[in-house]
C-alpha atoms as a PDB file:
ATOM      1  CA  MET A   1       0.000   0.000   0.000  1.00  0.00           C
ATOM      2  CA  SER A   2       1.154   3.484  -0.679  1.00  0.00           C
ATOM      3  CA  THR A   3       0.837   4.564   2.943  1.00  0.00           C
ATOM      4  CA  ASN A   4       4.297   3.127   3.565  1.00  0.00           C
ATOM      5  CA  SER A   5       7.613   4.595   2.456  1.00  0.00           C
ATOM      6  CA  THR A   6       7.820   2.517  -0.731  1.00  0.00           C
ATOM      7  CA  ARG A   7       7.183   4.520  -3.880  1.00  0.00           C
ATOM      8  CA  VAL A   8       4.379   2.975  -5.917  1.00  0.00           C
ATOM      9  CA  THR A   9       4.692   2.885  -9.706  1.00  0.00           C
ATOM     10  CA  ARG A  10       1.676   4.116 -11.666  1.00  0.00           C
ATOM     11  CA  LEU A  11      -0.148   1.316 -13.448  1.00  0.00           C
ATOM     12  CA  THR A  12      -1.797   2.641 -16.594  1.00  0.00           C
ATOM     13  CA  SER A  13      -1.949  -0.535 -18.669  1.00  0.00           C
ATOM     14  CA  ILE A  14      -1.529  -4.300 -18.482  1.00  0.00           C
ATOM     15  CA  HIS A  15      -0.120  -6.267 -21.405  1.00  0.00           C
ATOM     16  CA  GLY A  16       0.225 -10.013 -21.146  1.00  0.00           C
ATOM     17  CA  THR A  17      -0.951 -13.543 -21.775  1.00  0.00           C
ATOM     18  CA  ALA A  18      -4.503 -14.392 -20.713  1.00  0.00           C
ATOM     19  CA  ALA A  19      -5.142 -17.786 -19.104  1.00  0.00           C
ATOM     20  CA  PRO A  20      -8.657 -19.149 -19.802  1.00  0.00           C
ATOM     21  CA  LEU A  21     -10.497 -20.417 -16.720  1.00  0.00           C
ATOM     22  CA  PRO A  22     -14.201 -19.862 -17.580  1.00  0.00           C
ATOM     23  CA  ILE A  23     -15.692 -21.517 -14.494  1.00  0.00           C
ATOM     24  CA  ASP A  24     -18.927 -19.924 -13.284  1.00  0.00           C
ATOM     25  CA  ASN A  25     -19.345 -19.413  -9.521  1.00  0.00           C
ATOM     26  CA  LEU A  26     -15.669 -20.000  -8.764  1.00  0.00           C
ATOM     27  CA  ASP A  27     -15.717 -19.192  -5.057  1.00  0.00           C
ATOM     28  CA  THR A  28     -13.005 -17.962  -2.727  1.00  0.00           C
ATOM     29  CA  ASP A  29     -12.782 -21.390  -1.057  1.00  0.00           C
ATOM     30  CA  GLN A  30     -11.636 -22.797  -4.393  1.00  0.00           C
ATOM     31  CA  ILE A  31      -9.388 -19.852  -5.169  1.00  0.00           C
ATOM     32  CA  MET A  32      -7.642 -20.150  -1.786  1.00  0.00           C
ATOM     33  CA  PRO A  33      -8.480 -23.340   0.186  1.00  0.00           C
ATOM     34  CA  LYS A  34      -8.795 -23.106   3.966  1.00  0.00           C
ATOM     35  CA  GLN A  35      -5.596 -25.023   4.753  1.00  0.00           C
ATOM     36  CA  PHE A  36      -3.573 -22.128   3.354  1.00  0.00           C
ATOM     37  CA  LEU A  37      -5.179 -19.528   5.630  1.00  0.00           C
ATOM     38  CA  ARG A  38      -3.167 -20.413   8.729  1.00  0.00           C
ATOM     39  CA  ILE A  39      -0.343 -18.026   8.001  1.00  0.00           C
ATOM     40  CA  ILE A  40      -0.127 -14.635   9.704  1.00  0.00           C
ATOM     41  CA  ASP A  41       1.215 -12.732   6.695  1.00  0.00           C
ATOM     42  CA  LYS A  42       0.711 -12.660   2.926  1.00  0.00           C
ATOM     43  CA  ALA A  43       3.817 -14.658   1.973  1.00  0.00           C
ATOM     44  CA  GLY A  44       3.575 -18.029   0.241  1.00  0.00           C
ATOM     45  CA  LEU A  45      -0.049 -17.874  -0.854  1.00  0.00           C
ATOM     46  CA  SER A  46       0.769 -18.623  -4.494  1.00  0.00           C
ATOM     47  CA  GLN A  47       1.263 -22.248  -3.440  1.00  0.00           C
ATOM     48  CA  GLY A  48      -2.385 -22.514  -2.433  1.00  0.00           C
ATOM     49  CA  LEU A  49      -3.848 -20.651  -5.403  1.00  0.00           C
ATOM     50  CA  LEU A  50      -6.570 -22.829  -6.995  1.00  0.00           C
ATOM     51  CA  TYR A  51      -4.825 -25.789  -5.393  1.00  0.00           C
ATOM     52  CA  ASP A  52      -7.508 -28.417  -6.000  1.00  0.00           C
ATOM     53  CA  LEU A  53      -7.724 -27.437  -9.661  1.00  0.00           C
ATOM     54  CA  ARG A  54      -3.959 -27.436 -10.138  1.00  0.00           C
ATOM     55  CA  PHE A  55      -3.084 -30.593  -8.175  1.00  0.00           C
ATOM     56  CA  ASP A  56      -4.566 -34.048  -7.622  1.00  0.00           C
ATOM     57  CA  ALA A  57      -5.071 -35.812  -4.271  1.00  0.00           C
ATOM     58  CA  GLN A  58      -1.419 -36.918  -4.263  1.00  0.00           C
ATOM     59  CA  GLY A  59      -0.171 -33.379  -4.885  1.00  0.00           C
ATOM     60  CA  ALA A  60       0.847 -34.032  -8.492  1.00  0.00           C
ATOM     61  CA  PRO A  61       0.123 -31.299 -11.066  1.00  0.00           C
ATOM     62  CA  ARG A  62      -2.985 -31.932 -13.144  1.00  0.00           C
ATOM     63  CA  ASP A  63      -2.135 -31.969 -16.843  1.00  0.00           C
ATOM     64  CA  ASP A  64      -5.634 -30.790 -17.735  1.00  0.00           C
ATOM     65  CA  CYS A  65      -5.361 -27.594 -15.683  1.00  0.00           C
ATOM     66  CA  VAL A  66      -4.654 -24.616 -17.912  1.00  0.00           C
ATOM     67  CA  LEU A  67      -2.477 -22.986 -15.260  1.00  0.00           C
ATOM     68  CA  ASN A  68      -0.074 -25.938 -15.457  1.00  0.00           C
ATOM     69  CA  GLN A  69       0.354 -25.615 -19.208  1.00  0.00           C
ATOM     70  CA  PRO A  70       3.637 -23.969 -20.287  1.00  0.00           C
ATOM     71  CA  ALA A  71       1.914 -21.389 -22.506  1.00  0.00           C
ATOM     72  CA  PHE A  72       0.005 -19.922 -19.559  1.00  0.00           C
ATOM     73  CA  ARG A  73       2.433 -20.227 -16.661  1.00  0.00           C
ATOM     74  CA  GLY A  74       3.440 -16.580 -16.915  1.00  0.00           C
ATOM     75  CA  ALA A  75      -0.054 -15.228 -17.541  1.00  0.00           C
ATOM     76  CA  ARG A  76      -0.822 -11.789 -16.120  1.00  0.00           C
ATOM     77  CA  ILE A  77      -4.526 -11.912 -16.976  1.00  0.00           C
ATOM     78  CA  LEU A  78      -7.129 -14.515 -15.995  1.00  0.00           C
ATOM     79  CA  LEU A  79     -10.296 -15.049 -18.050  1.00  0.00           C
ATOM     80  CA  GLY A  80     -12.923 -16.163 -15.551  1.00  0.00           C
ATOM     81  CA  GLY A  81     -16.585 -17.118 -15.461  1.00  0.00           C
ATOM     82  CA  ALA A  82     -19.670 -15.408 -14.087  1.00  0.00           C
ATOM     83  CA  ASN A  83     -19.949 -14.559 -10.376  1.00  0.00           C
ATOM     84  CA  PHE A  84     -16.191 -14.864  -9.979  1.00  0.00           C
ATOM     85  CA  GLY A  85     -15.033 -14.764  -6.353  1.00  0.00           C
ATOM     86  CA  CYS A  86     -18.339 -15.630  -4.709  1.00  0.00           C
ATOM     87  CA  GLY A  87     -18.478 -17.178  -1.244  1.00  0.00           C
ATOM     88  CA  SER A  88     -16.818 -15.901   1.908  1.00  0.00           C
ATOM     89  CA  SER A  89     -14.946 -12.611   2.177  1.00  0.00           C
ATOM     90  CA  ARG A  90     -11.501 -14.148   1.948  1.00  0.00           C
ATOM     91  CA  GLU A  91      -8.898 -11.494   1.164  1.00  0.00           C
ATOM     92  CA  HIS A  92      -6.298 -14.261   0.946  1.00  0.00           C
ATOM     93  CA  ALA A  93      -7.913 -15.182  -2.392  1.00  0.00           C
ATOM     94  CA  VAL A  94      -6.968 -11.780  -3.792  1.00  0.00           C
ATOM     95  CA  TRP A  95      -3.439 -11.959  -2.384  1.00  0.00           C
ATOM     96  CA  GLY A  96      -3.002 -15.460  -3.803  1.00  0.00           C
ATOM     97  CA  LEU A  97      -4.053 -14.365  -7.289  1.00  0.00           C
ATOM     98  CA  GLN A  98      -1.588 -11.495  -7.149  1.00  0.00           C
ATOM     99  CA  GLN A  99       1.222 -13.710  -5.890  1.00  0.00           C
ATOM    100  CA  GLY A 100       0.366 -16.110  -8.696  1.00  0.00           C
ATOM    101  CA  GLY A 101       1.288 -13.339 -11.127  1.00  0.00           C
ATOM    102  CA  PHE A 102      -2.159 -12.037 -12.046  1.00  0.00           C
ATOM    103  CA  ASP A 103      -2.671  -8.289 -12.389  1.00  0.00           C
ATOM    104  CA  ALA A 104      -6.195  -8.462 -13.819  1.00  0.00           C
ATOM    105  CA  ILE A 105      -9.238 -10.734 -13.927  1.00  0.00           C
ATOM    106  CA  ILE A 106     -11.711 -10.485 -16.809  1.00  0.00           C
ATOM    107  CA  ALA A 107     -15.145 -12.004 -16.201  1.00  0.00           C
ATOM    108  CA  PRO A 108     -18.847 -11.452 -16.972  1.00  0.00           C
ATOM    109  CA  SER A 109     -19.539 -10.603 -13.314  1.00  0.00           C
ATOM    110  CA  PHE A 110     -17.915 -10.590  -9.882  1.00  0.00           C
ATOM    111  CA  ALA A 111     -19.129 -11.165  -6.348  1.00  0.00           C
ATOM    112  CA  GLU A 112     -19.589  -7.792  -4.661  1.00  0.00           C
ATOM    113  CA  ILE A 113     -17.330  -8.392  -1.650  1.00  0.00           C
ATOM    114  CA  PHE A 114     -14.595  -9.916  -3.802  1.00  0.00           C
ATOM    115  CA  TYR A 115     -14.772  -6.904  -6.115  1.00  0.00           C
ATOM    116  CA  SER A 116     -14.193  -4.549  -3.207  1.00  0.00           C
ATOM    117  CA  ASN A 117     -11.351  -6.632  -1.756  1.00  0.00           C
ATOM    118  CA  ALA A 118      -9.652  -6.898  -5.147  1.00  0.00           C
ATOM    119  CA  MET A 119      -9.832  -3.223  -6.023  1.00  0.00           C
ATOM    120  CA  ASN A 120      -8.639  -2.233  -2.543  1.00  0.00           C
ATOM    121  CA  ASN A 121      -5.549  -4.369  -3.180  1.00  0.00           C
ATOM    122  CA  ARG A 122      -4.949  -3.078  -6.725  1.00  0.00           C
ATOM    123  CA  LEU A 123      -6.078  -6.245  -8.503  1.00  0.00           C
ATOM    124  CA  LEU A 124      -7.934  -4.936 -11.555  1.00  0.00           C
ATOM    125  CA  LEU A 125     -11.314  -6.532 -12.236  1.00  0.00           C
ATOM    126  CA  VAL A 126     -12.657  -6.067 -15.756  1.00  0.00           C
ATOM    127  CA  GLN A 127     -16.307  -6.830 -16.442  1.00  0.00           C
ATOM    128  CA  LEU A 128     -17.189  -7.623 -20.056  1.00  0.00           C
ATOM    129  CA  ALA A 129     -20.223  -9.144 -21.732  1.00  0.00           C
ATOM    130  CA  ARG A 130     -20.082 -12.911 -22.033  1.00  0.00           C
ATOM    131  CA  GLU A 131     -19.985 -12.759 -25.832  1.00  0.00           C
ATOM    132  CA  GLN A 132     -16.945 -10.476 -25.641  1.00  0.00           C
ATOM    133  CA  ILE A 133     -15.222 -12.861 -23.265  1.00  0.00           C
ATOM    134  CA  ASP A 134     -16.061 -15.715 -25.633  1.00  0.00           C
ATOM    135  CA  VAL A 135     -13.987 -13.892 -28.264  1.00  0.00           C
ATOM    136  CA  LEU A 136     -11.063 -13.671 -25.848  1.00  0.00           C
ATOM    137  CA  LEU A 137     -11.448 -17.339 -24.903  1.00  0.00           C
ATOM    138  CA  ARG A 138     -11.356 -18.399 -28.557  1.00  0.00           C
ATOM    139  CA  ASP A 139      -8.238 -16.290 -29.058  1.00  0.00           C
ATOM    140  CA  ALA A 140      -6.580 -17.871 -26.013  1.00  0.00           C
ATOM    141  CA  SER A 141      -7.350 -21.334 -27.378  1.00  0.00           C
ATOM    142  CA  ALA A 142      -6.170 -20.585 -30.918  1.00  0.00           C
ATOM    143  CA  TYR A 143      -3.178 -18.409 -30.007  1.00  0.00           C
ATOM    144  CA  PRO A 144      -2.004 -19.359 -26.492  1.00  0.00           C
ATOM    145  CA  ALA A 145       1.111 -17.184 -26.665  1.00  0.00           C
ATOM    146  CA  ALA A 146      -0.796 -14.109 -27.860  1.00  0.00           C
ATOM    147  CA  GLN A 147      -1.234 -11.204 -25.487  1.00  0.00           C
ATOM    148  CA  LEU A 148      -4.111  -8.963 -24.520  1.00  0.00           C
ATOM    149  CA  HIS A 149      -3.789  -5.266 -23.834  1.00  0.00           C
ATOM    150  CA  ILE A 150      -5.767  -3.560 -21.080  1.00  0.00           C
ATOM    151  CA  ASP A 151      -5.677   0.224 -21.123  1.00  0.00           C
ATOM    152  CA  ILE A 152      -6.751   1.268 -17.636  1.00  0.00           C
ATOM    153  CA  GLU A 153      -6.847   4.981 -18.405  1.00  0.00           C
ATOM    154  CA  LYS A 154      -9.074   4.498 -21.464  1.00  0.00           C
ATOM    155  CA  GLN A 155     -10.886   1.553 -19.829  1.00  0.00           C
ATOM    156  CA  THR A 156     -10.570  -0.719 -22.852  1.00  0.00           C
ATOM    157  CA  VAL A 157      -9.455  -4.268 -23.605  1.00  0.00           C
ATOM    158  CA  THR A 158      -7.891  -4.919 -27.013  1.00  0.00           C
ATOM    159  CA  SER A 159      -8.129  -8.483 -28.296  1.00  0.00           C
ATOM    160  CA  VAL A 160      -5.507 -10.362 -30.281  1.00  0.00           C
ATOM    161  CA  GLY A 161      -7.460  -9.542 -33.437  1.00  0.00           C
ATOM    162  CA  GLY A 162      -7.629  -5.845 -32.624  1.00  0.00           C
ATOM    163  CA  LEU A 163     -11.196  -5.706 -31.322  1.00  0.00           C
ATOM    164  CA  VAL A 164     -11.625  -3.062 -28.630  1.00  0.00           C
ATOM    165  CA  PHE A 165     -14.001  -3.703 -25.729  1.00  0.00           C
ATOM    166  CA  PRO A 166     -14.769  -0.874 -23.273  1.00  0.00           C
ATOM    167  CA  PHE A 167     -15.340  -1.752 -19.630  1.00  0.00           C
ATOM    168  CA  PRO A 168     -16.827   0.133 -16.662  1.00  0.00           C
ATOM    169  CA  LEU A 169     -14.606   1.327 -13.826  1.00  0.00           C
ATOM    170  CA  GLY A 170     -15.642   3.777 -11.131  1.00  0.00           C
ATOM    171  CA  ALA A 171     -13.527   6.902 -10.692  1.00  0.00           C
ATOM    172  CA  ARG A 172     -12.456   5.918  -7.170  1.00  0.00           C
ATOM    173  CA  HIS A 173     -11.366   2.412  -8.124  1.00  0.00           C
ATOM    174  CA  ARG A 174      -9.697   3.708 -11.269  1.00  0.00           C
ATOM    175  CA  GLN A 175      -7.610   6.114  -9.201  1.00  0.00           C
ATOM    176  CA  MET A 176      -6.735   3.403  -6.684  1.00  0.00           C
ATOM    177  CA  VAL A 177      -5.508   1.000  -9.368  1.00  0.00           C
ATOM    178  CA  ILE A 178      -3.578   3.559 -11.414  1.00  0.00           C
ATOM    179  CA  GLU A 179      -1.989   5.422  -8.510  1.00  0.00           C
ATOM    180  CA  GLY A 180      -1.595   2.464  -6.169  1.00  0.00           C
ATOM    181  CA  MET A 181      -3.748   4.126  -3.528  1.00  0.00           C
ATOM    182  CA  ASP A 182      -5.706   2.467  -0.742  1.00  0.00           C
ATOM    183  CA  THR A 183      -8.756   3.776   1.104  1.00  0.00           C
ATOM    184  CA  ILE A 184      -6.576   5.585   3.657  1.00  0.00           C
ATOM    185  CA  ASP A 185      -4.676   7.329   0.855  1.00  0.00           C
ATOM    186  CA  LEU A 186      -7.963   8.457  -0.681  1.00  0.00           C
ATOM    187  CA  THR A 187      -9.086   9.913   2.632  1.00  0.00           C
ATOM    188  CA  LEU A 188      -5.784  11.724   3.150  1.00  0.00           C
ATOM    189  CA  ALA A 189      -5.963  13.139  -0.373  1.00  0.00           C
ATOM    190  CA  SER A 190      -9.267  14.754   0.583  1.00  0.00           C
ATOM    191  CA  LEU A 191      -7.972  16.043   3.929  1.00  0.00           C
ATOM    192  CA  PRO A 192      -8.095  19.771   2.958  1.00  0.00           C
ATOM    193  CA  ASP A 193     -11.754  19.408   1.957  1.00  0.00           C
ATOM    194  CA  ILE A 194     -12.517  17.466   5.139  1.00  0.00           C
ATOM    195  CA  GLU A 195     -10.861  20.101   7.330  1.00  0.00           C
ATOM    196  CA  ALA A 196     -12.630  22.919   5.474  1.00  0.00           C
ATOM    197  CA  PHE A 197     -15.958  21.184   6.022  1.00  0.00           C
ATOM    198  CA  GLU A 198     -15.222  20.756   9.738  1.00  0.00           C
ATOM    199  CA  CYS A 199     -14.354  24.446  10.128  1.00  0.00           C
ATOM    200  CA  ALA A 200     -17.500  25.552   8.298  1.00  0.00           C
ATOM    201  CA  HIS A 201     -19.631  23.093  10.247  1.00  0.00           C
ATOM    202  CA  LEU A 202     -18.321  24.328  13.615  1.00  0.00           C
ATOM    203  CA  ALA A 203     -18.791  27.943  12.549  1.00  0.00           C
ATOM    204  CA  ARG A 204     -22.454  27.230  11.859  1.00  0.00           C
ATOM    205  CA  HIS A 205     -22.907  24.994  14.895  1.00  0.00           C
ATOM    206  CA  PRO A 206     -20.432  26.140  17.605  1.00  0.00           C
ATOM    207  CA  TRP A 207     -22.218  24.058  20.213  1.00  0.00           C
ATOM    208  CA  ALA A 208     -20.895  20.927  18.466  1.00  0.00           C
ATOM    209  CA  ALA A 209     -17.328  21.796  19.504  1.00  0.00           C
ATOM    210  CA  VAL A 210     -17.968  20.646  23.076  1.00  0.00           C
ATOM    211  CA  LEU A 211     -19.253  17.232  22.033  1.00  0.00           C
END
């Protein structure tokens, strides 16, 4: 988070391979299973990311899992299904996706709590129509090494074939993702307005100063 001393680089675009995982109702329990929640910090969560999809009961990698295929191991973008991130409010799921190398998730819809957790942690969530995502899924199947381009400032996704899909992004979340700001940063950025309001409020209602 940008409230520490580390300088955060502006993120205006994401360019990378997109891994297709079009599973509807993929919940946070599947994204980050409970046995990986025992840690007291964020380190090492990439190991648990989508564990039961990536590994069998003996812990061997599943050949049929797209994330284990060489073409998608370095993917920065995940193509998901509808209601992505449903289930419990498990922020570890967001951290695990980020530690797994993902900077953006593209899906037809997202669970509300997951959306908030993701955006607060600078994981970009892009909502597109299912037919638009179908185009991206076909591209990922036909051209696994091809890369998508997400322009965060313009709020567009450009497909391998050059199709441009606009996506919605609220001004607050857009600023958080681009500038690397968290909710505390946003509050501090508005501090002059907050202080001005307080002064004006107390001038109109001096009795409130003793409360």
